[in-house]
Amino acid sequence: MTIGKGKRPRDPNQLAKWIVEQSTAEREPETQAAPSLSAYMAAMGRKGGIVGGKRRLVTMTPAARKKAATKAAQARWGKKKIDSET
């Protein structure tokens, strides 16, 4: 009669029965899983990374900032493109 969760029967009587079954079915209450330790530590790392970057910029000298920016630009734009037609 029904296949999976989404397929509904075409016959009106079977459809009515299906709707009643779906609306009166006993379902298990959804339990929220306790947040895992790794998810908690990931959130803490993101928070620390945001604060850390701002504090690092305050303590860096202009020369050190320029050196870091140059290194970042080389990492981003200095990659060689691979020719796939070879």
C-alpha atoms as a PDB file:
ATOM      1  CA  MET A   1       0.000   0.000   0.000  1.00  0.00           C
ATOM      2  CA  THR A   2       2.603   2.586   0.982  1.00  0.00           C
ATOM      3  CA  ILE A   3       6.247   2.611   0.164  1.00  0.00           C
ATOM      4  CA  GLY A   4       8.525   4.491   2.514  1.00  0.00           C
ATOM      5  CA  LYS A   5       7.403   7.715   4.145  1.00  0.00           C
ATOM      6  CA  GLY A   6       6.491   9.813   1.124  1.00  0.00           C
ATOM      7  CA  LYS A   7       4.435   7.634  -1.224  1.00  0.00           C
ATOM      8  CA  ARG A   8       0.693   7.910  -0.597  1.00  0.00           C
ATOM      9  CA  PRO A   9      -1.983   5.597  -2.010  1.00  0.00           C
ATOM     10  CA  ARG A  10      -4.125   6.813  -4.915  1.00  0.00           C
ATOM     11  CA  ASP A  11      -7.366   5.183  -3.837  1.00  0.00           C
ATOM     12  CA  PRO A  12      -9.391   7.657  -1.706  1.00  0.00           C
ATOM     13  CA  ASN A  13     -10.370   5.004   0.859  1.00  0.00           C
ATOM     14  CA  GLN A  14      -6.809   3.787   1.250  1.00  0.00           C
ATOM     15  CA  LEU A  15      -5.623   7.396   1.406  1.00  0.00           C
ATOM     16  CA  ALA A  16      -8.093   8.156   4.201  1.00  0.00           C
ATOM     17  CA  LYS A  17      -6.928   5.096   6.134  1.00  0.00           C
ATOM     18  CA  TRP A  18      -3.296   6.103   5.611  1.00  0.00           C
ATOM     19  CA  ILE A  19      -3.952   9.657   6.841  1.00  0.00           C
ATOM     20  CA  VAL A  20      -5.683   8.361   9.974  1.00  0.00           C
ATOM     21  CA  GLU A  21      -2.832   5.946  10.670  1.00  0.00           C
ATOM     22  CA  GLN A  22      -0.250   8.692  10.199  1.00  0.00           C
ATOM     23  CA  SER A  23      -2.060  11.173  12.430  1.00  0.00           C
ATOM     24  CA  THR A  24      -2.816   8.720  15.256  1.00  0.00           C
ATOM     25  CA  ALA A  25       0.423   6.746  15.215  1.00  0.00           C
ATOM     26  CA  GLU A  26       2.303   6.576  18.491  1.00  0.00           C
ATOM     27  CA  ARG A  27       5.746   8.005  17.976  1.00  0.00           C
ATOM     28  CA  GLU A  28       8.715   7.873  20.270  1.00  0.00           C
ATOM     29  CA  PRO A  29       9.473  11.241  21.834  1.00  0.00           C
ATOM     30  CA  GLU A  30      12.456  12.888  20.250  1.00  0.00           C
ATOM     31  CA  THR A  31      15.278  13.051  22.716  1.00  0.00           C
ATOM     32  CA  GLN A  32      17.961  15.633  22.379  1.00  0.00           C
ATOM     33  CA  ALA A  33      21.371  14.097  22.557  1.00  0.00           C
ATOM     34  CA  ALA A  34      23.786  15.626  25.006  1.00  0.00           C
ATOM     35  CA  PRO A  35      26.384  17.710  23.190  1.00  0.00           C
ATOM     36  CA  SER A  36      29.551  15.760  22.719  1.00  0.00           C
ATOM     37  CA  LEU A  37      32.864  16.828  24.138  1.00  0.00           C
ATOM     38  CA  SER A  38      34.342  17.307  20.671  1.00  0.00           C
ATOM     39  CA  ALA A  39      31.539  19.693  19.664  1.00  0.00           C
ATOM     40  CA  TYR A  40      32.079  21.673  22.861  1.00  0.00           C
ATOM     41  CA  MET A  41      35.833  21.867  22.302  1.00  0.00           C
ATOM     42  CA  ALA A  42      35.307  22.923  18.671  1.00  0.00           C
ATOM     43  CA  ALA A  43      33.100  25.789  19.823  1.00  0.00           C
ATOM     44  CA  MET A  44      35.694  26.849  22.375  1.00  0.00           C
ATOM     45  CA  GLY A  45      38.406  26.751  19.706  1.00  0.00           C
ATOM     46  CA  ARG A  46      36.383  28.974  17.384  1.00  0.00           C
ATOM     47  CA  LYS A  47      35.809  31.462  20.188  1.00  0.00           C
ATOM     48  CA  GLY A  48      39.494  31.510  21.093  1.00  0.00           C
ATOM     49  CA  GLY A  49      40.534  31.839  17.462  1.00  0.00           C
ATOM     50  CA  ILE A  50      38.384  34.920  16.992  1.00  0.00           C
ATOM     51  CA  VAL A  51      39.779  36.620  20.091  1.00  0.00           C
ATOM     52  CA  GLY A  52      43.327  35.415  19.426  1.00  0.00           C
ATOM     53  CA  GLY A  53      43.565  36.952  15.968  1.00  0.00           C
ATOM     54  CA  LYS A  54      42.532  40.392  17.194  1.00  0.00           C
ATOM     55  CA  ARG A  55      44.956  40.312  20.113  1.00  0.00           C
ATOM     56  CA  ARG A  56      47.736  39.105  17.844  1.00  0.00           C
ATOM     57  CA  LEU A  57      47.255  42.058  15.488  1.00  0.00           C
ATOM     58  CA  VAL A  58      47.473  44.511  18.400  1.00  0.00           C
ATOM     59  CA  THR A  59      50.806  43.080  19.559  1.00  0.00           C
ATOM     60  CA  MET A  60      52.420  42.686  16.110  1.00  0.00           C
ATOM     61  CA  THR A  61      54.728  45.314  14.698  1.00  0.00           C
ATOM     62  CA  PRO A  62      53.955  46.747  11.258  1.00  0.00           C
ATOM     63  CA  ALA A  63      56.881  44.777   9.788  1.00  0.00           C
ATOM     64  CA  ALA A  64      55.568  41.527  11.272  1.00  0.00           C
ATOM     65  CA  ARG A  65      52.065  42.250   9.935  1.00  0.00           C
ATOM     66  CA  LYS A  66      53.507  42.868   6.467  1.00  0.00           C
ATOM     67  CA  LYS A  67      55.471  39.624   6.626  1.00  0.00           C
ATOM     68  CA  ALA A  68      52.370  37.657   7.668  1.00  0.00           C
ATOM     69  CA  ALA A  69      50.255  39.284   4.946  1.00  0.00           C
ATOM     70  CA  THR A  70      52.878  38.505   2.297  1.00  0.00           C
ATOM     71  CA  LYS A  71      53.038  34.886   3.415  1.00  0.00           C
ATOM     72  CA  ALA A  72      49.238  34.629   3.300  1.00  0.00           C
ATOM     73  CA  ALA A  73      49.098  36.160  -0.181  1.00  0.00           C
ATOM     74  CA  GLN A  74      51.743  33.729  -1.442  1.00  0.00           C
ATOM     75  CA  ALA A  75      49.816  30.798   0.018  1.00  0.00           C
ATOM     76  CA  ARG A  76      46.608  31.967  -1.599  1.00  0.00           C
ATOM     77  CA  TRP A  77      47.722  33.292  -4.962  1.00  0.00           C
ATOM     78  CA  GLY A  78      51.133  31.675  -5.476  1.00  0.00           C
ATOM     79  CA  LYS A  79      49.825  28.220  -6.333  1.00  0.00           C
ATOM     80  CA  LYS A  80      50.707  26.963  -9.774  1.00  0.00           C
ATOM     81  CA  LYS A  81      47.845  25.732 -11.956  1.00  0.00           C
ATOM     82  CA  ILE A  82      48.119  22.139 -13.097  1.00  0.00           C
ATOM     83  CA  ASP A  83      47.676  21.673 -16.839  1.00  0.00           C
ATOM     84  CA  SER A  84      45.359  18.661 -17.246  1.00  0.00           C
ATOM     85  CA  GLU A  85      45.899  18.339 -21.015  1.00  0.00           C
ATOM     86  CA  THR A  86      49.397  16.895 -20.688  1.00  0.00           C
END
